[in-house]
Protein backbone atom coordinates (compact mmCIF):
# COMPACT_ATOMS: atom_id res chain seq x y z
CA UNK A 1 55.03 -70.32 35.53
CA UNK A 2 55.35 -66.60 34.65
CA UNK A 3 59.02 -67.32 33.29
CA UNK A 4 57.89 -70.15 31.05
CA UNK A 5 54.97 -67.65 29.90
CA UNK A 6 57.50 -65.06 28.89
CA UNK A 7 59.65 -67.76 27.22
CA UNK A 8 56.75 -69.19 24.91
CA UNK A 9 55.52 -65.61 24.33
CA UNK A 10 58.92 -64.74 22.87
CA UNK A 11 58.48 -67.74 20.49
CA UNK A 12 55.03 -66.40 19.55
CA UNK A 13 56.65 -63.04 18.88
CA UNK A 14 59.15 -64.64 16.82
CA UNK A 15 56.63 -66.30 14.70
CA UNK A 16 54.58 -63.09 14.43
CA UNK A 17 57.48 -61.07 13.02
CA UNK A 18 58.94 -63.76 10.76
CA UNK A 19 57.63 -61.79 7.69
CA UNK A 20 58.11 -58.39 9.18
CA UNK A 21 56.46 -56.31 11.93
CA UNK A 22 54.53 -53.78 9.96
CA UNK A 23 51.01 -53.50 11.43
CA UNK A 24 49.54 -53.47 8.08
CA UNK A 25 50.57 -57.11 7.60
CA UNK A 26 48.73 -58.12 10.92
CA UNK A 27 51.76 -59.81 12.52
CA UNK A 28 49.92 -62.01 15.08
CA UNK A 29 51.70 -65.02 16.18
CA UNK A 30 50.61 -68.03 18.16
CA UNK A 31 52.23 -71.19 19.67
CA UNK A 32 50.57 -74.03 21.44
CA UNK A 33 52.64 -75.65 24.06
CA UNK A 34 51.94 -79.15 25.41
CA UNK A 35 54.02 -81.17 27.75
CA UNK A 36 56.67 -78.42 27.70
CA UNK A 37 57.18 -78.41 23.99
CA UNK A 38 55.83 -76.54 20.98
CA UNK A 39 53.35 -78.69 19.06
CA UNK A 40 52.24 -76.07 16.62
CA UNK A 41 53.03 -72.46 15.66
CA UNK A 42 51.51 -70.08 13.19
CA UNK A 43 51.07 -66.56 12.17
CA UNK A 44 48.12 -64.84 10.52
CA UNK A 45 47.66 -66.42 7.08
CA UNK A 46 44.28 -64.98 5.91
CA UNK A 47 45.87 -63.23 2.93
CA UNK A 48 48.36 -66.11 1.89
CA UNK A 49 45.66 -68.81 2.16
CA UNK A 50 42.75 -66.54 1.02
CA UNK A 51 40.87 -67.69 4.13
CA UNK A 52 39.14 -65.14 6.53
CA UNK A 53 39.40 -67.94 9.19
CA UNK A 54 43.11 -68.33 8.93
CA UNK A 55 43.93 -66.44 12.04
CA UNK A 56 47.14 -67.49 13.77
CA UNK A 57 45.36 -69.31 16.55
CA UNK A 58 43.02 -71.14 14.09
CA UNK A 59 45.92 -72.34 11.97
CA UNK A 60 47.95 -73.41 15.03
CA UNK A 61 44.85 -75.43 16.24
CA UNK A 62 44.74 -77.04 12.85
CA UNK A 63 48.39 -78.05 13.01
CA UNK A 64 48.35 -79.13 16.81
CA UNK A 65 45.45 -81.67 16.46
CA UNK A 66 47.14 -84.23 14.22
CA UNK A 67 50.27 -83.89 16.26
CA UNK A 68 48.83 -84.66 19.62
CA UNK A 69 46.14 -87.31 18.30
CA UNK A 70 46.68 -90.95 19.13
CA UNK A 71 44.69 -93.98 20.00
CA UNK A 72 43.53 -92.41 23.34
CA UNK A 73 42.89 -88.99 21.67
CA UNK A 74 41.70 -89.47 18.21
CA UNK A 75 40.14 -86.15 17.82
CA UNK A 76 43.41 -84.23 18.81
CA UNK A 77 42.12 -82.59 21.93
CA UNK A 78 44.53 -80.14 23.34
CA UNK A 79 43.74 -80.81 27.09
CA UNK A 80 46.62 -79.46 29.24
CA UNK A 81 47.98 -77.50 26.43
CA UNK A 82 48.57 -73.64 26.57
CA UNK A 83 47.76 -71.28 23.57
CA UNK A 84 50.13 -68.20 23.45
CA UNK A 85 48.99 -65.41 21.22
CA UNK A 86 50.59 -62.10 20.82
CA UNK A 87 47.07 -60.45 20.57
CA UNK A 88 43.99 -61.23 22.66
CA UNK A 89 42.11 -63.82 20.68
CA UNK A 90 38.95 -62.60 18.73
CA UNK A 91 35.54 -64.34 19.17
CA UNK A 92 36.18 -67.08 16.53
CA UNK A 93 39.65 -67.96 18.12
CA UNK A 94 38.15 -67.73 21.69
CA UNK A 95 35.51 -70.25 20.68
CA UNK A 96 37.95 -72.64 18.99
CA UNK A 97 39.96 -72.42 22.26
CA UNK A 98 37.06 -73.80 24.05
CA UNK A 99 36.37 -76.53 21.34
CA UNK A 100 40.18 -77.56 21.18
CA UNK A 101 39.90 -77.88 24.97
CA UNK A 102 43.15 -76.04 25.72
CA UNK A 103 43.79 -75.65 29.44
CA UNK A 104 45.18 -71.99 29.25
CA UNK A 105 45.16 -69.00 27.01
CA UNK A 106 47.99 -66.54 27.40
CA UNK A 107 48.13 -63.29 25.32
CA UNK A 108 50.35 -60.24 25.09
CA UNK A 109 48.38 -57.28 23.75
CA UNK A 110 44.82 -56.86 24.99
CA UNK A 111 41.89 -55.32 23.15
CA UNK A 112 42.35 -52.00 25.21
CA UNK A 113 45.97 -51.73 23.91
CA UNK A 114 45.28 -51.87 20.23
CA UNK A 115 43.18 -50.28 17.49
CA UNK A 116 39.52 -51.29 17.64
CA UNK A 117 39.77 -52.81 14.13
CA UNK A 118 41.32 -56.03 15.54
CA UNK A 119 38.22 -57.02 17.19
CA UNK A 120 34.52 -57.71 16.34
CA UNK A 121 31.72 -56.32 18.63
CA UNK A 122 33.67 -53.50 20.28
CA UNK A 123 31.63 -53.64 23.47
CA UNK A 124 32.04 -57.46 24.01
CA UNK A 125 35.07 -58.79 25.46
CA UNK A 126 35.04 -62.22 24.06
CA UNK A 127 37.92 -63.52 26.30
CA UNK A 128 35.56 -63.12 29.25
CA UNK A 129 33.09 -65.26 27.37
CA UNK A 130 35.49 -68.32 28.17
CA UNK A 131 34.71 -67.80 31.80
CA UNK A 132 31.03 -68.08 31.31
CA UNK A 133 30.75 -70.68 28.59
CA UNK A 134 30.79 -74.40 28.60
CA UNK A 135 33.89 -75.00 30.59
CA UNK A 136 35.20 -73.46 33.77
CA UNK A 137 38.59 -75.17 33.78
CA UNK A 138 40.27 -72.58 31.26
CA UNK A 139 42.67 -70.08 32.79
CA UNK A 140 43.46 -67.08 31.04
CA UNK A 141 46.53 -64.67 31.59
CA UNK A 142 46.83 -61.46 29.62
CA UNK A 143 49.63 -58.90 29.24
CA UNK A 144 52.53 -61.06 29.00
CA UNK A 145 55.29 -59.11 27.43
CA UNK A 146 52.58 -56.65 26.81
CA UNK A 147 54.76 -53.82 25.44
CA UNK A 148 56.63 -56.01 22.86
CA UNK A 149 53.32 -57.31 21.64
CA UNK A 150 51.58 -53.82 21.59
CA UNK A 151 54.40 -52.55 19.47
CA UNK A 152 53.29 -54.82 16.54
CA UNK A 153 49.84 -53.36 16.10
CA UNK A 154 47.99 -50.09 15.36
CA UNK A 155 47.55 -48.24 18.65
CA UNK A 156 43.92 -47.17 19.82
CA UNK A 157 44.22 -43.56 18.40
CA UNK A 158 46.10 -44.37 15.24
CA UNK A 159 44.49 -43.26 12.07
CA UNK A 160 43.69 -46.19 9.92
CA UNK A 161 41.63 -45.83 6.79
CA UNK A 162 38.46 -47.83 6.58
CA UNK A 163 39.85 -49.74 3.49
CA UNK A 164 42.68 -51.06 5.72
CA UNK A 165 40.34 -52.13 8.38
CA UNK A 166 39.76 -55.94 7.87
CA UNK A 167 36.71 -56.12 10.07
CA UNK A 168 34.52 -53.41 8.50
């Protein structure tokens, strides 16, 4: 499984850096893998879509649903699928993972690895929320290709102006 996780995380890294790797452009990439194939991929598109909810994971969920939907799955649930994200999902994307019914969430850089601007309530680890919410059948793996993913983002001690911090 670990080898596959690295393979798919490399795909998420490819998606994240398709338009560059400057931390100022928030190069977050996500892929959703179902039955051994990518059913959706996306990068952060908040600026291009003028939509604060267009995080990489959210865009990927929106693309994946119609691709897996059929007569037995009209809602496009992602049971059995794995979400790969270069950065630990935020609270919104964590909840979307629960509602989309993914079976696994795998991420590269964790909240402790990057500047606090990437996360909402800085004292709440929303990925832990999955373990306590609604479903107990979601597995989580963090730190896959951590160093490659961390390199995409501002570090915990990097000086980032308040104007450049999207969550303030």
